PDB file of all heavy atoms in Angstrom:
ATOM      1  N   ALA A   1       0.854  -1.184   0.000  1.00  0.00           N
ATOM      2  CA  ALA A   1       0.000   0.000   0.000  1.00  0.00           C
ATOM      3  C   ALA A   1       0.889   1.232   0.000  1.00  0.00           C
ATOM      4  O   ALA A   1       1.758   1.395   0.836  1.00  0.00           O
ATOM      5  CB  ALA A   1      -0.902   0.000   1.224  1.00  0.00           C
ATOM      6  N   ALA A   2       0.691   2.087  -0.971  1.00  0.00           N
ATOM      7  CA  ALA A   2       1.528   3.274  -1.080  1.00  0.00           C
ATOM      8  C   ALA A   2       0.754   4.396  -1.740  1.00  0.00           C
ATOM      9  O   ALA A   2      -0.303   4.187  -2.306  1.00  0.00           O
ATOM     10  CB  ALA A   2       2.783   2.956  -1.895  1.00  0.00           C
ATOM     11  N   THR A   3       1.300   5.551  -1.690  1.00  0.00           N
ATOM     12  CA  THR A   3       0.684   6.692  -2.350  1.00  0.00           C
ATOM     13  C   THR A   3       1.669   7.228  -3.375  1.00  0.00           C
ATOM     14  O   THR A   3       2.490   8.096  -3.102  1.00  0.00           O
ATOM     15  CB  THR A   3       0.334   7.792  -1.335  1.00  0.00           C
ATOM     16  OG1 THR A   3       1.517   8.112  -0.599  1.00  0.00           O
ATOM     17  CG2 THR A   3      -0.732   7.316  -0.374  1.00  0.00           C
ATOM     18  N   GLY A   4       1.613   6.618  -4.560  1.00  0.00           N
ATOM     19  CA  GLY A   4       2.421   7.108  -5.651  1.00  0.00           C
ATOM     20  C   GLY A   4       3.819   6.534  -5.714  1.00  0.00           C
ATOM     21  O   GLY A   4       4.596   6.898  -6.578  1.00  0.00           O
ATOM     22  N   ARG A   5       4.200   5.647  -4.770  1.00  0.00           N
ATOM     23  CA  ARG A   5       5.535   5.068  -4.852  1.00  0.00           C
ATOM     24  C   ARG A   5       5.480   3.655  -4.265  1.00  0.00           C
ATOM     25  O   ARG A   5       4.580   3.281  -3.526  1.00  0.00           O
ATOM     26  CB  ARG A   5       6.554   5.904  -4.076  1.00  0.00           C
ATOM     27  CG  ARG A   5       6.261   5.995  -2.592  1.00  0.00           C
ATOM     28  CD  ARG A   5       7.308   6.838  -1.870  1.00  0.00           C
ATOM     29  NE  ARG A   5       7.021   6.955  -0.459  1.00  0.00           N
ATOM     30  CZ  ARG A   5       7.335   6.061   0.455  1.00  0.00           C
ATOM     31  NH1 ARG A   5       7.920   4.943   0.103  1.00  0.00           N
ATOM     32  NH2 ARG A   5       7.056   6.254   1.732  1.00  0.00           N
ATOM     33  N   GLN A   6       6.482   2.871  -4.587  1.00  0.00           N
ATOM     34  CA  GLN A   6       6.567   1.504  -4.078  1.00  0.00           C
ATOM     35  C   GLN A   6       6.911   1.532  -2.602  1.00  0.00           C
ATOM     36  O   GLN A   6       7.842   2.209  -2.194  1.00  0.00           O
ATOM     37  CB  GLN A   6       7.647   0.728  -4.842  1.00  0.00           C
ATOM     38  CG  GLN A   6       7.791  -0.714  -4.399  1.00  0.00           C
ATOM     39  CD  GLN A   6       6.662  -1.568  -4.929  1.00  0.00           C
ATOM     40  OE1 GLN A   6       6.093  -1.252  -5.957  1.00  0.00           O
ATOM     41  NE2 GLN A   6       6.327  -2.627  -4.232  1.00  0.00           N
ATOM     42  N   ALA A   7       6.141   0.810  -1.795  1.00  0.00           N
ATOM     43  CA  ALA A   7       6.417   0.736  -0.358  1.00  0.00           C
ATOM     44  C   ALA A   7       6.892  -0.658  -0.031  1.00  0.00           C
ATOM     45  O   ALA A   7       6.369  -1.641  -0.544  1.00  0.00           O
ATOM     46  CB  ALA A   7       5.159   1.065   0.440  1.00  0.00           C
ATOM     47  N   ALA A   8       7.887  -0.762   0.815  1.00  0.00           N
ATOM     48  CA  ALA A   8       8.394  -2.079   1.206  1.00  0.00           C
ATOM     49  C   ALA A   8       7.440  -2.702   2.205  1.00  0.00           C
ATOM     50  O   ALA A   8       7.209  -2.147   3.278  1.00  0.00           O
ATOM     51  CB  ALA A   8       9.778  -1.923   1.833  1.00  0.00           C
ATOM     52  N   PRO A   9       6.825  -3.839   1.888  1.00  0.00           N
ATOM     53  CA  PRO A   9       5.900  -4.459   2.822  1.00  0.00           C
ATOM     54  C   PRO A   9       6.627  -5.031   4.033  1.00  0.00           C
ATOM     55  O   PRO A   9       7.800  -5.369   3.973  1.00  0.00           O
ATOM     56  CB  PRO A   9       5.261  -5.584   1.986  1.00  0.00           C
ATOM     57  CG  PRO A   9       6.284  -5.900   0.948  1.00  0.00           C
ATOM     58  CD  PRO A   9       6.988  -4.613   0.642  1.00  0.00           C
ATOM     59  N   LYS A  10       5.884  -5.095   5.141  1.00  0.00           N
ATOM     60  CA  LYS A  10       6.460  -5.707   6.330  1.00  0.00           C
ATOM     61  C   LYS A  10       6.724  -7.188   6.064  1.00  0.00           C
ATOM     62  O   LYS A  10       6.102  -7.795   5.193  1.00  0.00           O
ATOM     63  CB  LYS A  10       5.498  -5.549   7.508  1.00  0.00           C
ATOM     64  CG  LYS A  10       5.255  -4.098   7.908  1.00  0.00           C
ATOM     65  CD  LYS A  10       4.257  -4.018   9.055  1.00  0.00           C
ATOM     66  CE  LYS A  10       4.011  -2.570   9.458  1.00  0.00           C
ATOM     67  NZ  LYS A  10       3.021  -2.463  10.547  1.00  0.00           N
ATOM     68  N   LEU A  11       7.608  -7.765   6.862  1.00  0.00           N
ATOM     69  CA  LEU A  11       7.984  -9.156   6.653  1.00  0.00           C
ATOM     70  C   LEU A  11       6.772 -10.078   6.660  1.00  0.00           C
ATOM     71  O   LEU A  11       6.639 -10.954   5.812  1.00  0.00           O
ATOM     72  CB  LEU A  11       8.984  -9.595   7.733  1.00  0.00           C
ATOM     73  CG  LEU A  11       9.462 -11.056   7.648  1.00  0.00           C
ATOM     74  CD1 LEU A  11      10.187 -11.283   6.327  1.00  0.00           C
ATOM     75  CD2 LEU A  11      10.368 -11.382   8.830  1.00  0.00           C
ATOM     76  N   ARG A  12       5.833  -9.847   7.622  1.00  0.00           N
ATOM     77  CA  ARG A  12       4.677 -10.739   7.725  1.00  0.00           C
ATOM     78  C   ARG A  12       3.718 -10.587   6.545  1.00  0.00           C
ATOM     79  O   ARG A  12       2.863 -11.434   6.315  1.00  0.00           O
ATOM     80  CB  ARG A  12       3.923 -10.463   9.028  1.00  0.00           C
ATOM     81  CG  ARG A  12       3.231  -9.118   9.055  1.00  0.00           C
ATOM     82  CD  ARG A  12       2.499  -8.897  10.359  1.00  0.00           C
ATOM     83  NE  ARG A  12       1.840  -7.595  10.361  1.00  0.00           N
ATOM     84  CZ  ARG A  12       1.182  -7.109  11.387  1.00  0.00           C
ATOM     85  NH1 ARG A  12       1.099  -7.801  12.497  1.00  0.00           N
ATOM     86  NH2 ARG A  12       0.600  -5.925  11.320  1.00  0.00           N
ATOM     87  N   ASP A  13       3.825  -9.450   5.807  1.00  0.00           N
ATOM     88  CA  ASP A  13       2.938  -9.211   4.675  1.00  0.00           C
ATOM     89  C   ASP A  13       3.529  -9.633   3.339  1.00  0.00           C
ATOM     90  O   ASP A  13       2.893  -9.491   2.314  1.00  0.00           O
ATOM     91  CB  ASP A  13       2.555  -7.728   4.619  1.00  0.00           C
ATOM     92  CG  ASP A  13       1.636  -7.330   5.768  1.00  0.00           C
ATOM     93  OD1 ASP A  13       0.882  -8.198   6.219  1.00  0.00           O
ATOM     94  OD2 ASP A  13       1.696  -6.176   6.208  1.00  0.00           O
ATOM     95  N   ARG A  14       4.774 -10.108   3.361  1.00  0.00           N
ATOM     96  CA  ARG A  14       5.365 -10.581   2.112  1.00  0.00           C
ATOM     97  C   ARG A  14       4.758 -11.926   1.739  1.00  0.00           C
ATOM     98  O   ARG A  14       4.574 -12.797   2.571  1.00  0.00           O
ATOM     99  CB  ARG A  14       6.879 -10.694   2.262  1.00  0.00           C
ATOM    100  CG  ARG A  14       7.569  -9.334   2.453  1.00  0.00           C
ATOM    101  CD  ARG A  14       9.046  -9.482   2.693  1.00  0.00           C
ATOM    102  NE  ARG A  14       9.659  -8.190   3.004  1.00  0.00           N
ATOM    103  CZ  ARG A  14      10.877  -8.042   3.467  1.00  0.00           C
ATOM    104  NH1 ARG A  14      11.644  -9.111   3.675  1.00  0.00           N
ATOM    105  NH2 ARG A  14      11.348  -6.841   3.734  1.00  0.00           N
ATOM    106  N   TRP A  15       4.497 -12.095   0.473  1.00  0.00           N
ATOM    107  CA  TRP A  15       3.809 -13.300   0.024  1.00  0.00           C
ATOM    108  C   TRP A  15       4.594 -13.937  -1.099  1.00  0.00           C
ATOM    109  O   TRP A  15       4.949 -13.278  -2.073  1.00  0.00           O
ATOM    110  CB  TRP A  15       2.405 -12.934  -0.451  1.00  0.00           C
ATOM    111  CG  TRP A  15       1.580 -14.103  -0.877  1.00  0.00           C
ATOM    112  CD1 TRP A  15       1.322 -15.225  -0.163  1.00  0.00           C
ATOM    113  CD2 TRP A  15       0.890 -14.245  -2.115  1.00  0.00           C
ATOM    114  NE1 TRP A  15       0.502 -16.062  -0.876  1.00  0.00           N
ATOM    115  CE2 TRP A  15       0.219 -15.492  -2.082  1.00  0.00           C
ATOM    116  CE3 TRP A  15       0.762 -13.438  -3.243  1.00  0.00           C
ATOM    117  CZ2 TRP A  15      -0.556 -15.935  -3.134  1.00  0.00           C
ATOM    118  CZ3 TRP A  15      -0.015 -13.893  -4.288  1.00  0.00           C
ATOM    119  CH2 TRP A  15      -0.672 -15.132  -4.225  1.00  0.00           C
ATOM    120  N   GLN A  16       4.882 -15.196  -0.945  1.00  0.00           N
ATOM    121  CA  GLN A  16       5.562 -15.969  -1.985  1.00  0.00           C
ATOM    122  C   GLN A  16       4.569 -17.000  -2.513  1.00  0.00           C
ATOM    123  O   GLN A  16       4.435 -18.095  -1.967  1.00  0.00           O
ATOM    124  CB  GLN A  16       6.814 -16.649  -1.419  1.00  0.00           C
ATOM    125  CG  GLN A  16       7.859 -15.683  -0.892  1.00  0.00           C
ATOM    126  CD  GLN A  16       8.398 -14.751  -1.968  1.00  0.00           C
ATOM    127  OE1 GLN A  16       8.493 -15.132  -3.136  1.00  0.00           O
ATOM    128  NE2 GLN A  16       8.764 -13.543  -1.585  1.00  0.00           N
ATOM    129  N   PRO A  17       3.825 -16.660  -3.546  1.00  0.00           N
ATOM    130  CA  PRO A  17       2.714 -17.507  -3.974  1.00  0.00           C
ATOM    131  C   PRO A  17       3.093 -18.725  -4.785  1.00  0.00           C
ATOM    132  O   PRO A  17       2.234 -19.517  -5.129  1.00  0.00           O
ATOM    133  CB  PRO A  17       1.881 -16.542  -4.823  1.00  0.00           C
ATOM    134  CG  PRO A  17       2.900 -15.610  -5.401  1.00  0.00           C
ATOM    135  CD  PRO A  17       3.946 -15.431  -4.340  1.00  0.00           C
ATOM    136  N   GLY A  18       4.355 -18.885  -5.151  1.00  0.00           N
ATOM    137  CA  GLY A  18       4.721 -20.015  -5.983  1.00  0.00           C
ATOM    138  C   GLY A  18       4.259 -19.869  -7.409  1.00  0.00           C
ATOM    139  O   GLY A  18       3.984 -20.852  -8.093  1.00  0.00           O
ATOM    140  N   ILE A  19       4.121 -18.634  -7.855  1.00  0.00           N
ATOM    141  CA  ILE A  19       3.723 -18.350  -9.239  1.00  0.00           C
ATOM    142  C   ILE A  19       4.981 -18.173 -10.086  1.00  0.00           C
ATOM    143  O   ILE A  19       5.789 -17.277  -9.825  1.00  0.00           O
ATOM    144  CB  ILE A  19       2.840 -17.086  -9.304  1.00  0.00           C
ATOM    145  CG1 ILE A  19       1.525 -17.319  -8.535  1.00  0.00           C
ATOM    146  CG2 ILE A  19       2.541 -16.711 -10.751  1.00  0.00           C
ATOM    147  CD1 ILE A  19       0.636 -16.100  -8.451  1.00  0.00           C
ATOM    148  N   ASP A  20       5.142 -19.020 -11.086  1.00  0.00           N
ATOM    149  CA  ASP A  20       6.368 -19.008 -11.897  1.00  0.00           C
ATOM    150  C   ASP A  20       6.412 -17.850 -12.880  1.00  0.00           C
ATOM    151  O   ASP A  20       7.495 -17.403 -13.267  1.00  0.00           O
ATOM    152  CB  ASP A  20       6.506 -20.327 -12.655  1.00  0.00           C
ATOM    153  CG  ASP A  20       6.731 -21.514 -11.712  1.00  0.00           C
ATOM    154  OD1 ASP A  20       7.284 -21.285 -10.632  1.00  0.00           O
ATOM    155  OD2 ASP A  20       6.336 -22.635 -12.078  1.00  0.00           O
ATOM    156  N   VAL A  21       5.263 -17.366 -13.324  1.00  0.00           N
ATOM    157  CA  VAL A  21       5.264 -16.291 -14.315  1.00  0.00           C
ATOM    158  C   VAL A  21       5.706 -14.987 -13.660  1.00  0.00           C
ATOM    159  O   VAL A  21       5.494 -14.774 -12.460  1.00  0.00           O
ATOM    160  CB  VAL A  21       3.866 -16.122 -14.947  1.00  0.00           C
ATOM    161  CG1 VAL A  21       3.425 -17.404 -15.622  1.00  0.00           C
ATOM    162  CG2 VAL A  21       2.851 -15.678 -13.908  1.00  0.00           C
ATOM    163  N   PRO A  22       6.329 -14.091 -14.418  1.00  0.00           N
ATOM    164  CA  PRO A  22       6.759 -12.811 -13.844  1.00  0.00           C
ATOM    165  C   PRO A  22       5.564 -11.905 -13.554  1.00  0.00           C
ATOM    166  O   PRO A  22       4.512 -12.018 -14.193  1.00  0.00           O
ATOM    167  CB  PRO A  22       7.652 -12.216 -14.936  1.00  0.00           C
ATOM    168  CG  PRO A  22       7.172 -12.839 -16.194  1.00  0.00           C
ATOM    169  CD  PRO A  22       6.737 -14.226 -15.837  1.00  0.00           C
ATOM    170  N   ALA A  23       5.741 -11.032 -12.573  1.00  0.00           N
ATOM    171  CA  ALA A  23       4.696 -10.064 -12.264  1.00  0.00           C
ATOM    172  C   ALA A  23       4.502  -9.128 -13.446  1.00  0.00           C
ATOM    173  O   ALA A  23       5.462  -8.700 -14.083  1.00  0.00           O
ATOM    174  CB  ALA A  23       5.075  -9.269 -11.017  1.00  0.00           C
ATOM    175  N   SER A  24       3.252  -8.851 -13.757  1.00  0.00           N
ATOM    176  CA  SER A  24       2.962  -7.950 -14.866  1.00  0.00           C
ATOM    177  C   SER A  24       3.140  -6.502 -14.419  1.00  0.00           C
ATOM    178  O   SER A  24       3.350  -6.227 -13.233  1.00  0.00           O
ATOM    179  CB  SER A  24       1.539  -8.177 -15.376  1.00  0.00           C
ATOM    180  OG  SER A  24       0.608  -7.848 -14.359  1.00  0.00           O
ATOM    181  N   SER A  25       3.025  -5.598 -15.368  1.00  0.00           N
ATOM    182  CA  SER A  25       3.183  -4.184 -15.058  1.00  0.00           C
ATOM    183  C   SER A  25       2.037  -3.402 -15.666  1.00  0.00           C
ATOM    184  O   SER A  25       1.607  -3.679 -16.794  1.00  0.00           O
ATOM    185  CB  SER A  25       4.521  -3.664 -15.598  1.00  0.00           C
ATOM    186  OG  SER A  25       4.673  -2.287 -15.342  1.00  0.00           O
ATOM    187  N   GLY A  26       1.516  -2.444 -14.886  1.00  0.00           N
ATOM    188  CA  GLY A  26       0.476  -1.566 -15.400  1.00  0.00           C
ATOM    189  C   GLY A  26      -0.935  -2.038 -15.164  1.00  0.00           C
ATOM    190  O   GLY A  26      -1.884  -1.433 -15.674  1.00  0.00           O
TER     191      GLY A  26
END
């Protein structure tokens, strides 16, 4: 959650979903 910029999520909020495809953009 950010306002106009990338915010570093807290450790407990990081999610490793096991999705092999790269994250999309836009």
